[in-house]
Amino acid sequence: MSPSAVTSISQFLGPLAMDNAAALKLSREFYTNFKYLAAESLDMFLPTPISMSILRPVGQQSTGRGGSNLRVGFVELLPDGQDRRLNRLLEQSWPIQDHLKNENSEKLFGWVGEHIAEVVREGCETFGLSPGEELPMGVTFSFPMKQTSLSEASLMAMGKGFAITSDLDLGGHLFRGYEQHRTPDLPPIKITAITNDSVATLVSFVYQYPAARNQKAAMGLIVGTGCNATIPLKLSTLHQNKCPDLISVQQDQDLEDFGIAVNTEWSINGSAPPLRTLGLISRWDEELDKAGEYPGFQPLEYMTSGRYLGELARLIFVDFLITVHGVSANDLPQRLHQRFGLSTTFLSHFYPDSHKGDPLEQLQKEFDDTAFTWTSTHADALYQIAKAIQARAAGIVAAATIGLLRCAGEIPDPSVTEVNGNVIDGERVIDELVVGYTGGCIQHFQDYLKDTQGFLDFITQEEFAAQGKPIRVVLEPCHDGGITGAGILVPAALASTQA
């Protein structure tokens, strides 16, 4: 149907339609796609040097940093038997401004090193750290990387507005950035563990989540500025050319008995075929993609993550106002013609009965520098757009989650499931797989979290209904996993051996 034939916002948003049946089909497509990417792609499903056997670390203090914001602090791991398993100490956070993203690597990491030194200095004063003893540091970085060992990483293409090129030695740049600002009264740092933010989320979740006997902490999920997931996979499922040279394992453990943490980078273009097969990529998605820093690079991220959902809504809203409501493009607020002129944050709370106020009043306040007259019809249309974008994103994330869990063998093929459809893990019968999630977008954008869980429930119920007791996939929060995961990995790495 052409835009000129559309008479309602619901008809106009038809290309964004997502329902239970579509999510179920998409989960099956993702399963096949993910198996292929794990075995064949060299840019996605990137193995880390982390075997899941090492997540029984000894308690000690370590520094950690990570995220699109720079966060630096100390992490203290506590003995078993306490109400909490770790403390975060002396933590500070700084936004990485756009001008820093556009700088060369030396200036960016010099800025990072300055702030690391600031927190280390406070740690020396608080904990009495010796300037003559190396301070082990764990690092979380929110971008794809290739690793030959747990303490070494080369960055791949970054995205998210960063100008830094790929093949950058992350550990070396961080070390030199810190050394620029280290004074004689500060200890040198030793970069002991480097990981991606989604991997750190999984590490933190597995370490901290109090799983019952029927539960398993199975996966880490990030839906914030970007969208990514990490899960343990067996070495046999991965392309041999991308496996790390050295993998950290617990002493006296056989590597083949455990999966290794795999950073899927599932938003990169290798995951596009299932989306195209089901016709989920709309003309607005293609328009957003073409205007981006790297056209064609991350189609799934453009459809699910906080960096792009507001921009997608802007494109749709402008299109609707012009083609359906007949508004002249020249009459619209100038900001609606600017890239990222409508933010995901604004739309997160743009709905009836929002604590932010009436939607029409919100819209008028957001564009208070224009003579354009907003109406309740305009406000309702924008709300419907935000909801359609969010519902589709929730269906995609849920489908990808099920596909990934199946790829990892956590959810078996329904035709060959064990008794009652349950997953057997050693001597335990697992009927609830728990996914640790983090990210402001899934928490705050409309009903993203609720709808994602709803799609997960439908898919698992539909797939395992014949067994009488379906496996459930449950989302549980794992906030701040980036910095805590980095801290957890330091003593885990120090107590492990390499295979």
Protein backbone atom coordinates (compact mmCIF):
# COMPACT_ATOMS: atom_id res chain seq x y z
CA MET A 1 0.00 0.00 0.00
CA SER A 2 1.43 3.39 -0.99
CA PRO A 3 1.65 6.16 1.63
CA SER A 4 -0.96 8.19 -0.29
CA ALA A 5 -3.50 5.38 0.18
CA VAL A 6 -2.98 5.23 3.92
CA THR A 7 -5.71 6.74 6.05
CA SER A 8 -4.55 5.83 9.58
CA ILE A 9 -1.36 5.59 11.57
CA SER A 10 -1.91 1.86 12.12
CA GLN A 11 -1.98 1.25 8.36
CA PHE A 12 1.06 3.45 7.90
CA LEU A 13 3.02 1.42 10.45
CA GLY A 14 2.23 -1.90 8.78
CA PRO A 15 5.89 -2.42 7.68
CA LEU A 16 6.89 -2.50 11.38
CA ALA A 17 4.38 -5.18 12.37
CA MET A 18 5.62 -7.78 14.85
CA ASP A 19 3.47 -10.45 16.46
CA ASN A 20 3.98 -13.75 18.26
CA ALA A 21 3.93 -15.81 15.08
CA ALA A 22 6.56 -13.63 13.43
CA ALA A 23 8.79 -13.77 16.52
CA LEU A 24 8.54 -17.58 16.57
CA LYS A 25 9.50 -17.86 12.90
CA LEU A 26 12.33 -15.38 13.40
CA SER A 27 13.74 -17.38 16.34
CA ARG A 28 14.02 -20.44 14.09
CA GLU A 29 15.69 -18.39 11.35
CA PHE A 30 18.16 -16.93 13.85
CA TYR A 31 19.02 -20.42 15.13
CA THR A 32 20.11 -21.53 11.66
CA ASN A 33 21.84 -18.22 11.00
CA PHE A 34 23.75 -18.23 14.30
CA LYS A 35 24.99 -21.79 13.80
CA TYR A 36 26.41 -20.71 10.45
CA LEU A 37 27.99 -17.53 11.82
CA ALA A 38 29.62 -19.40 14.71
CA ALA A 39 31.17 -21.91 12.32
CA GLU A 40 32.02 -19.63 9.39
CA SER A 41 32.11 -15.90 10.19
CA LEU A 42 35.41 -14.34 11.23
CA ASP A 43 33.79 -11.02 12.24
CA MET A 44 31.00 -12.33 14.46
CA PHE A 45 30.73 -14.93 17.22
CA LEU A 46 34.18 -13.98 18.46
CA PRO A 47 35.59 -16.42 21.04
CA THR A 48 37.22 -14.96 24.12
CA PRO A 49 40.05 -16.59 26.10
CA ILE A 50 37.56 -17.11 28.97
CA SER A 51 36.43 -20.62 29.80
CA MET A 52 33.38 -20.64 32.04
CA SER A 53 35.31 -22.85 34.44
CA ILE A 54 37.34 -19.91 35.79
CA LEU A 55 34.41 -18.09 37.36
CA ARG A 56 35.23 -19.26 40.85
CA PRO A 57 37.72 -16.50 41.68
CA VAL A 58 39.42 -15.73 44.94
CA GLY A 59 38.41 -12.48 46.63
CA GLN A 60 40.65 -9.45 46.26
CA GLN A 61 40.52 -5.89 45.05
CA SER A 62 41.04 -5.01 41.42
CA THR A 63 40.32 -2.08 39.17
CA GLY A 64 37.89 -2.19 36.28
CA ARG A 65 36.69 0.13 33.57
CA GLY A 66 34.30 -0.03 30.62
CA GLY A 67 31.33 1.29 28.68
CA SER A 68 30.55 4.16 26.28
CA ASN A 69 30.98 6.21 29.40
CA LEU A 70 34.33 5.82 31.07
CA ARG A 71 33.90 4.20 34.48
CA VAL A 72 36.81 3.47 36.79
CA GLY A 73 36.71 1.92 40.24
CA PHE A 74 37.86 -0.87 42.52
CA VAL A 75 35.98 -4.17 42.83
CA GLU A 76 36.23 -6.22 46.04
CA LEU A 77 35.10 -9.85 45.78
CA LEU A 78 33.61 -11.20 48.99
CA PRO A 79 33.69 -14.75 50.43
CA ASP A 80 30.80 -17.14 49.82
CA GLY A 81 27.96 -17.14 52.30
CA GLN A 82 27.39 -13.39 52.42
CA ASP A 83 24.32 -11.54 51.21
CA ARG A 84 26.29 -9.98 48.38
CA ARG A 85 29.28 -11.29 46.47
CA LEU A 86 31.14 -8.06 45.75
CA ASN A 87 31.57 -4.40 46.59
CA ARG A 88 32.21 -1.58 44.14
CA LEU A 89 34.51 1.02 45.68
CA LEU A 90 35.69 4.52 44.75
CA GLU A 91 33.87 4.31 41.42
CA GLN A 92 33.73 7.37 39.20
CA SER A 93 32.17 7.94 35.78
CA TRP A 94 32.75 10.40 32.92
CA PRO A 95 30.85 10.71 29.62
CA ILE A 96 32.98 10.27 26.50
CA GLN A 97 32.14 13.47 24.62
CA ASP A 98 31.87 13.57 20.83
CA HIS A 99 35.07 15.56 20.43
CA LEU A 100 36.99 12.77 22.18
CA LYS A 101 35.39 10.16 19.94
CA ASN A 102 36.71 12.07 16.94
CA GLU A 103 40.26 12.35 18.31
CA ASN A 104 43.11 10.02 17.45
CA SER A 105 43.83 7.04 19.68
CA GLU A 106 46.68 8.72 21.59
CA LYS A 107 44.51 11.62 22.74
CA LEU A 108 41.52 9.44 23.60
CA PHE A 109 43.56 6.97 25.64
CA GLY A 110 45.56 9.76 27.21
CA TRP A 111 42.26 11.12 28.54
CA VAL A 112 41.32 7.63 29.74
CA GLY A 113 44.70 7.19 31.41
CA GLU A 114 44.36 10.52 33.22
CA HIS A 115 41.13 9.40 34.87
CA ILE A 116 42.49 5.95 35.71
CA ALA A 117 45.37 7.67 37.48
CA GLU A 118 42.88 9.86 39.36
CA VAL A 119 41.05 6.84 40.79
CA VAL A 120 44.26 4.90 41.47
CA ARG A 121 45.54 7.87 43.48
CA GLU A 122 42.39 7.80 45.60
CA GLY A 123 42.83 4.04 45.99
CA CYS A 124 46.38 4.51 47.22
CA GLU A 125 45.19 6.98 49.84
CA THR A 126 42.23 4.81 50.91
CA PHE A 127 43.73 1.31 50.78
CA GLY A 128 47.41 2.10 51.39
CA LEU A 129 48.51 0.65 48.04
CA SER A 130 52.25 0.47 47.54
CA PRO A 131 53.67 2.47 44.62
CA GLY A 132 56.23 -0.28 44.13
CA GLU A 133 53.72 -3.09 43.54
CA GLU A 134 51.91 -3.60 40.24
CA LEU A 135 48.16 -3.07 40.39
CA PRO A 136 46.23 -5.66 38.32
CA MET A 137 43.53 -4.13 36.16
CA GLY A 138 40.56 -5.57 34.31
CA VAL A 139 39.23 -3.75 31.26
CA THR A 140 35.83 -3.80 29.63
CA PHE A 141 35.45 -2.17 26.23
CA SER A 142 32.13 -1.85 24.37
CA PHE A 143 33.38 -2.77 20.92
CA PRO A 144 34.31 -5.85 18.88
CA MET A 145 37.80 -7.16 19.54
CA LYS A 146 39.99 -10.10 18.68
CA GLN A 147 41.96 -11.73 21.47
CA THR A 148 44.87 -14.15 21.50
CA SER A 149 44.90 -14.26 25.32
CA LEU A 150 42.88 -12.82 28.19
CA SER A 151 45.29 -9.91 28.66
CA GLU A 152 45.63 -8.93 24.98
CA ALA A 153 43.08 -7.52 22.54
CA SER A 154 43.01 -5.85 19.13
CA LEU A 155 40.04 -3.63 18.44
CA MET A 156 37.97 -4.17 15.32
CA ALA A 157 35.78 -1.51 13.62
CA MET A 158 34.14 0.45 16.43
CA GLY A 159 31.00 2.24 15.26
CA LYS A 160 28.89 4.34 17.72
CA GLY A 161 30.46 7.52 16.41
CA PHE A 162 34.11 6.67 17.19
CA ALA A 163 36.72 7.56 14.56
CA ILE A 164 39.41 5.12 15.75
CA THR A 165 40.40 2.55 13.16
CA SER A 166 40.63 -1.17 13.73
CA ASP A 167 43.62 -3.36 14.69
CA LEU A 168 44.46 -1.14 17.65
CA ASP A 169 46.34 -2.71 20.58
CA LEU A 170 43.94 -1.90 23.41
CA GLY A 171 46.13 -2.98 26.31
CA GLY A 172 49.17 -1.13 25.02
CA HIS A 173 47.24 2.09 24.48
CA LEU A 174 45.68 1.94 27.94
CA PHE A 175 49.06 1.26 29.56
CA ARG A 176 50.71 4.18 27.75
CA GLY A 177 47.77 6.48 28.51
CA TYR A 178 48.11 5.72 32.22
CA GLU A 179 51.90 6.08 32.17
CA GLN A 180 51.55 9.61 30.76
CA HIS A 181 49.83 10.61 33.99
CA ARG A 182 51.47 8.30 36.54
CA THR A 183 53.59 10.09 39.11
CA PRO A 184 56.23 8.32 41.28
CA ASP A 185 53.78 7.90 44.14
CA LEU A 186 51.41 5.79 41.99
CA PRO A 187 51.86 2.06 41.27
CA PRO A 188 52.26 0.78 37.71
CA ILE A 189 49.29 -1.10 36.32
CA LYS A 190 49.28 -4.60 34.89
CA ILE A 191 46.46 -5.25 32.46
CA THR A 192 45.44 -8.73 33.53
CA ALA A 193 42.09 -9.19 31.79
CA ILE A 194 40.43 -7.51 28.82
CA THR A 195 36.91 -8.25 27.64
CA ASN A 196 33.93 -6.90 25.75
CA ASP A 197 31.06 -5.36 27.74
CA SER A 198 28.58 -8.11 26.86
CA VAL A 199 31.12 -10.73 27.94
CA ALA A 200 31.65 -8.85 31.20
CA THR A 201 27.89 -8.85 31.74
CA LEU A 202 27.78 -12.63 31.39
CA VAL A 203 30.80 -13.04 33.68
CA SER A 204 29.22 -10.81 36.32
CA PHE A 205 25.86 -12.53 36.02
CA VAL A 206 27.21 -16.08 36.27
CA TYR A 207 29.28 -15.09 39.29
CA GLN A 208 26.56 -13.21 41.17
CA TYR A 209 23.20 -14.75 40.24
CA PRO A 210 21.85 -17.05 43.02
CA ALA A 211 20.54 -19.77 40.71
CA ALA A 212 18.19 -22.40 42.16
CA ARG A 213 18.73 -26.06 41.27
CA ASN A 214 16.30 -25.82 38.36
CA GLN A 215 17.87 -22.63 37.01
CA LYS A 216 20.95 -21.83 34.98
CA ALA A 217 22.51 -18.42 34.36
CA ALA A 218 22.90 -18.97 30.65
CA MET A 219 23.50 -15.74 28.77
CA GLY A 220 24.38 -12.06 28.99
CA LEU A 221 22.34 -9.48 27.05
CA ILE A 222 22.93 -5.77 26.47
CA VAL A 223 20.26 -3.48 25.04
CA GLY A 224 21.47 0.02 25.74
CA THR A 225 23.23 2.37 23.35
CA GLY A 226 24.02 -0.79 21.40
CA CYS A 227 22.68 -4.33 21.33
CA ASN A 228 24.80 -7.44 21.86
CA ALA A 229 24.88 -10.81 23.61
CA THR A 230 27.39 -13.28 25.01
CA ILE A 231 26.98 -16.99 25.63
CA PRO A 232 29.29 -19.97 26.25
CA LEU A 233 29.78 -22.15 23.19
CA LYS A 234 31.79 -25.32 22.69
CA LEU A 235 35.02 -24.99 20.75
CA SER A 236 33.78 -27.57 18.27
CA THR A 237 31.02 -25.20 17.09
CA LEU A 238 33.46 -22.39 16.19
CA HIS A 239 35.64 -21.69 13.19
CA GLN A 240 39.11 -22.92 14.12
CA ASN A 241 40.84 -19.82 12.72
CA LYS A 242 39.23 -17.51 15.25
CA CYS A 243 39.88 -19.51 18.42
CA PRO A 244 42.27 -17.82 20.88
CA ASP A 245 45.80 -19.19 21.20
CA LEU A 246 45.58 -19.22 25.02
CA ILE A 247 42.39 -19.88 26.98
CA SER A 248 42.17 -19.38 30.74
CA VAL A 249 40.82 -22.41 32.58
CA GLN A 250 40.63 -23.38 36.23
CA GLN A 251 43.54 -25.54 37.35
CA ASP A 252 43.03 -29.28 36.82
CA GLN A 253 40.09 -28.71 34.47
CA ASP A 254 39.82 -30.11 30.96
CA LEU A 255 39.03 -27.36 28.45
CA GLU A 256 36.75 -29.67 26.47
CA ASP A 257 34.43 -30.00 29.48
CA PHE A 258 33.50 -26.30 29.39
CA GLY A 259 32.25 -23.76 26.91
CA ILE A 260 34.16 -20.58 26.27
CA ALA A 261 32.50 -17.18 26.40
CA VAL A 262 31.67 -15.98 22.89
CA ASN A 263 30.97 -12.35 22.08
CA THR A 264 28.36 -12.73 19.35
CA GLU A 265 28.38 -9.16 17.99
CA TRP A 266 24.97 -10.24 16.70
CA SER A 267 24.10 -6.75 15.50
CA ILE A 268 26.66 -6.86 12.68
CA ASN A 269 25.37 -7.47 9.16
CA GLY A 270 25.79 -11.24 9.22
CA SER A 271 22.53 -11.42 11.17
CA ALA A 272 20.57 -9.53 8.51
CA PRO A 273 19.39 -12.56 6.41
CA PRO A 274 16.69 -13.68 8.92
CA LEU A 275 15.40 -10.09 9.12
CA ARG A 276 15.24 -9.86 5.33
CA THR A 277 13.69 -13.31 4.95
CA LEU A 278 10.73 -12.25 7.07
CA GLY A 279 10.49 -8.80 5.48
CA LEU A 280 11.25 -6.96 8.71
CA ILE A 281 13.58 -4.34 7.25
CA SER A 282 11.42 -1.38 6.24
CA ARG A 283 12.14 1.55 3.96
CA TRP A 284 12.74 3.67 7.07
CA ASP A 285 15.37 1.22 8.32
CA GLU A 286 17.11 1.44 4.97
CA GLU A 287 17.01 5.24 5.09
CA LEU A 288 18.52 5.25 8.58
CA ASP A 289 21.18 2.78 7.48
CA LYS A 290 22.25 4.81 4.45
CA ALA A 291 22.71 7.94 6.58
CA GLY A 292 24.93 6.19 9.13
CA GLU A 293 28.68 6.20 9.65
CA TYR A 294 29.03 2.71 8.17
CA PRO A 295 26.06 1.87 5.91
CA GLY A 296 25.11 -1.79 6.10
CA PHE A 297 27.29 -2.46 9.13
CA GLN A 298 24.81 -3.11 11.96
CA PRO A 299 21.23 -3.60 10.72
CA LEU A 300 20.00 -5.39 13.84
CA GLU A 301 21.41 -2.64 16.05
CA TYR A 302 19.61 0.03 14.04
CA MET A 303 16.34 -1.78 14.78
CA THR A 304 16.83 -2.53 18.49
CA SER A 305 19.24 -0.18 20.28
CA GLY A 306 18.97 3.09 22.11
CA ARG A 307 21.33 4.98 19.84
CA TYR A 308 19.02 4.56 16.87
CA LEU A 309 15.38 4.06 17.95
CA GLY A 310 14.75 7.78 18.39
CA GLU A 311 16.24 8.50 14.98
CA LEU A 312 14.11 5.79 13.42
CA ALA A 313 11.02 7.35 15.01
CA ARG A 314 12.00 10.77 13.64
CA LEU A 315 12.22 9.44 10.08
CA ILE A 316 8.84 7.72 10.36
CA PHE A 317 7.16 10.69 12.05
CA VAL A 318 8.33 13.16 9.43
CA ASP A 319 7.25 10.79 6.66
CA PHE A 320 3.80 10.38 8.24
CA LEU A 321 3.27 14.10 8.79
CA ILE A 322 4.19 14.93 5.19
CA THR A 323 2.68 12.04 3.22
CA VAL A 324 -0.45 11.34 5.28
CA HIS A 325 -1.26 14.60 7.08
CA GLY A 326 -0.15 16.77 4.18
CA VAL A 327 2.10 18.97 6.31
CA SER A 328 4.61 20.98 4.30
CA ALA A 329 8.19 19.98 5.06
CA ASN A 330 9.05 23.67 5.36
CA ASP A 331 6.51 24.13 8.15
CA LEU A 332 7.94 21.43 10.38
CA PRO A 333 10.37 22.31 13.19
CA GLN A 334 13.88 22.47 11.81
CA ARG A 335 15.11 19.97 14.39
CA LEU A 336 12.84 17.30 12.93
CA HIS A 337 14.90 17.51 9.75
CA GLN A 338 18.17 16.98 11.63
CA ARG A 339 19.72 13.58 12.22
CA PHE A 340 19.08 12.47 15.83
CA GLY A 341 16.71 15.44 16.22
CA LEU A 342 14.34 13.22 18.20
CA SER A 343 15.94 11.31 21.05
CA THR A 344 15.30 7.81 22.30
CA THR A 345 15.32 9.22 25.84
CA PHE A 346 12.45 11.58 25.03
CA LEU A 347 10.36 8.79 23.49
CA SER A 348 11.04 6.41 26.37
CA HIS A 349 8.41 8.13 28.51
CA PHE A 350 6.20 9.43 25.73
CA TYR A 351 2.89 7.68 26.42
CA PRO A 352 -0.52 8.38 28.01
CA ASP A 353 -0.41 8.80 31.78
CA SER A 354 3.37 9.21 31.72
CA HIS A 355 4.94 10.73 34.81
CA LYS A 356 6.55 13.18 32.38
CA GLY A 357 3.12 14.63 31.62
CA ASP A 358 0.56 14.61 28.83
CA PRO A 359 2.09 13.58 25.47
CA LEU A 360 0.89 16.71 23.70
CA GLU A 361 2.40 18.91 26.38
CA GLN A 362 5.64 16.93 26.17
CA LEU A 363 5.74 17.41 22.39
CA GLN A 364 5.09 21.15 22.69
CA LYS A 365 7.80 21.51 25.32
CA GLU A 366 10.33 19.44 23.34
CA PHE A 367 9.88 21.72 20.30
CA ASP A 368 9.13 24.99 22.09
CA ASP A 369 11.32 26.97 19.69
CA THR A 370 8.95 26.59 16.74
CA ALA A 371 5.72 28.22 15.58
CA PHE A 372 4.36 24.87 14.38
CA THR A 373 1.04 24.00 16.02
CA TRP A 374 1.03 20.54 17.52
CA THR A 375 -2.23 18.66 18.04
CA SER A 376 -3.29 15.65 20.05
CA THR A 377 -3.50 13.74 16.76
CA HIS A 378 0.19 14.43 16.14
CA ALA A 379 1.05 13.35 19.68
CA ASP A 380 -0.94 10.13 19.39
CA ALA A 381 0.73 9.33 16.06
CA LEU A 382 4.17 9.76 17.59
CA TYR A 383 3.21 7.53 20.51
CA GLN A 384 1.96 4.84 18.11
CA ILE A 385 5.23 5.08 16.19
CA ALA A 386 7.29 4.69 19.36
CA LYS A 387 5.21 1.67 20.43
CA ALA A 388 5.50 -0.01 17.03
CA ILE A 389 9.27 0.48 17.00
CA GLN A 390 9.53 -0.87 20.53
CA ALA A 391 7.30 -3.91 19.92
CA ARG A 392 9.29 -4.87 16.84
CA ALA A 393 12.57 -4.43 18.72
CA ALA A 394 11.29 -6.62 21.58
CA GLY A 395 10.28 -9.35 19.15
CA ILE A 396 13.67 -9.27 17.43
CA VAL A 397 15.61 -9.41 20.71
CA ALA A 398 13.43 -12.24 22.05
CA ALA A 399 13.78 -14.22 18.83
CA ALA A 400 17.54 -13.70 18.75
CA THR A 401 17.78 -14.79 22.40
CA ILE A 402 15.93 -18.05 21.74
CA GLY A 403 17.96 -18.66 18.59
CA LEU A 404 21.20 -18.12 20.47
CA LEU A 405 20.24 -20.35 23.41
CA ARG A 406 19.34 -23.08 20.94
CA CYS A 407 22.63 -22.57 19.07
CA ALA A 408 24.44 -23.11 22.38
CA GLY A 409 22.50 -26.30 23.09
CA GLU A 410 20.76 -24.75 26.08
CA ILE A 411 17.42 -25.23 24.36
CA PRO A 412 17.25 -28.47 22.37
CA ASP A 413 15.34 -29.09 19.19
CA PRO A 414 11.72 -29.70 20.29
CA SER A 415 11.63 -32.93 18.31
CA VAL A 416 14.48 -34.45 20.33
CA THR A 417 14.04 -32.95 23.80
CA GLU A 418 14.65 -34.91 26.97
CA VAL A 419 11.84 -36.15 29.19
CA ASN A 420 9.26 -33.38 29.79
CA GLY A 421 11.21 -31.10 27.49
CA ASN A 422 13.72 -30.22 30.20
CA VAL A 423 17.41 -29.53 29.72
CA ILE A 424 19.77 -31.84 31.56
CA ASP A 425 22.88 -30.21 33.05
CA GLY A 426 24.96 -32.83 34.83
CA GLU A 427 22.72 -34.18 37.58
CA ARG A 428 20.42 -31.15 37.60
CA VAL A 429 17.20 -30.85 35.66
CA ILE A 430 17.10 -27.34 34.25
CA ASP A 431 13.73 -25.93 33.27
CA GLU A 432 14.49 -22.22 33.63
CA LEU A 433 17.26 -20.50 31.69
CA VAL A 434 18.08 -17.07 33.08
CA VAL A 435 19.38 -14.28 30.88
CA GLY A 436 21.17 -11.42 32.61
CA TYR A 437 20.26 -8.14 30.92
CA THR A 438 21.52 -4.61 31.23
CA GLY A 439 21.07 -1.35 29.36
CA GLY A 440 18.89 1.70 29.72
CA CYS A 441 16.98 1.10 26.50
CA ILE A 442 15.45 -2.24 27.45
CA GLN A 443 14.71 -0.93 30.94
CA HIS A 444 13.12 2.40 30.06
CA PHE A 445 11.95 2.57 26.43
CA GLN A 446 8.17 2.17 26.50
CA ASP A 447 7.36 -1.50 27.39
CA TYR A 448 10.54 -2.98 25.91
CA LEU A 449 11.40 -5.28 28.82
CA LYS A 450 7.84 -6.46 29.44
CA ASP A 451 7.19 -7.19 25.76
CA THR A 452 10.51 -9.00 25.31
CA GLN A 453 9.61 -11.31 28.18
CA GLY A 454 6.16 -11.78 26.65
CA PHE A 455 7.64 -12.87 23.32
CA LEU A 456 10.05 -15.23 25.12
CA ASP A 457 7.16 -16.81 27.01
CA PHE A 458 5.13 -17.32 23.84
CA ILE A 459 8.00 -18.86 21.88
CA THR A 460 9.00 -21.32 24.59
CA GLN A 461 5.39 -22.24 25.28
CA GLU A 462 4.74 -22.83 21.59
CA GLU A 463 7.92 -24.84 21.03
CA PHE A 464 7.55 -27.10 24.06
CA ALA A 465 3.79 -27.26 24.63
CA ALA A 466 3.67 -30.88 23.44
CA GLN A 467 5.99 -31.91 26.29
CA GLY A 468 3.58 -30.64 28.94
CA LYS A 469 6.20 -28.62 30.85
CA PRO A 470 7.89 -26.01 28.66
CA ILE A 471 11.32 -24.64 29.35
CA ARG A 472 11.14 -21.02 30.42
CA VAL A 473 13.58 -18.27 29.51
CA VAL A 474 13.58 -15.49 32.10
CA LEU A 475 15.14 -12.03 31.95
CA GLU A 476 16.83 -10.90 35.16
CA PRO A 477 18.72 -7.63 35.74
CA CYS A 478 22.50 -7.58 35.74
CA HIS A 479 23.25 -3.89 35.87
CA ASP A 480 26.77 -2.50 35.99
CA GLY A 481 28.07 -5.80 34.63
CA GLY A 482 30.76 -4.02 32.63
CA ILE A 483 32.77 -2.78 35.57
CA THR A 484 31.98 -5.69 37.92
CA GLY A 485 32.74 -8.25 35.22
CA ALA A 486 36.13 -6.66 34.59
CA GLY A 487 36.89 -6.78 38.32
CA ILE A 488 35.76 -10.40 38.65
CA LEU A 489 37.99 -11.50 35.76
CA VAL A 490 41.20 -10.20 37.35
CA PRO A 491 41.44 -12.67 40.27
CA ALA A 492 39.83 -15.33 38.11
CA ALA A 493 42.62 -14.90 35.57
CA LEU A 494 45.33 -14.82 38.23
CA ALA A 495 44.03 -18.07 39.75
CA SER A 496 43.69 -19.85 36.40
CA THR A 497 46.01 -21.65 34.03
CA GLN A 498 46.15 -21.33 30.26
CA ALA A 499 45.36 -24.13 27.85
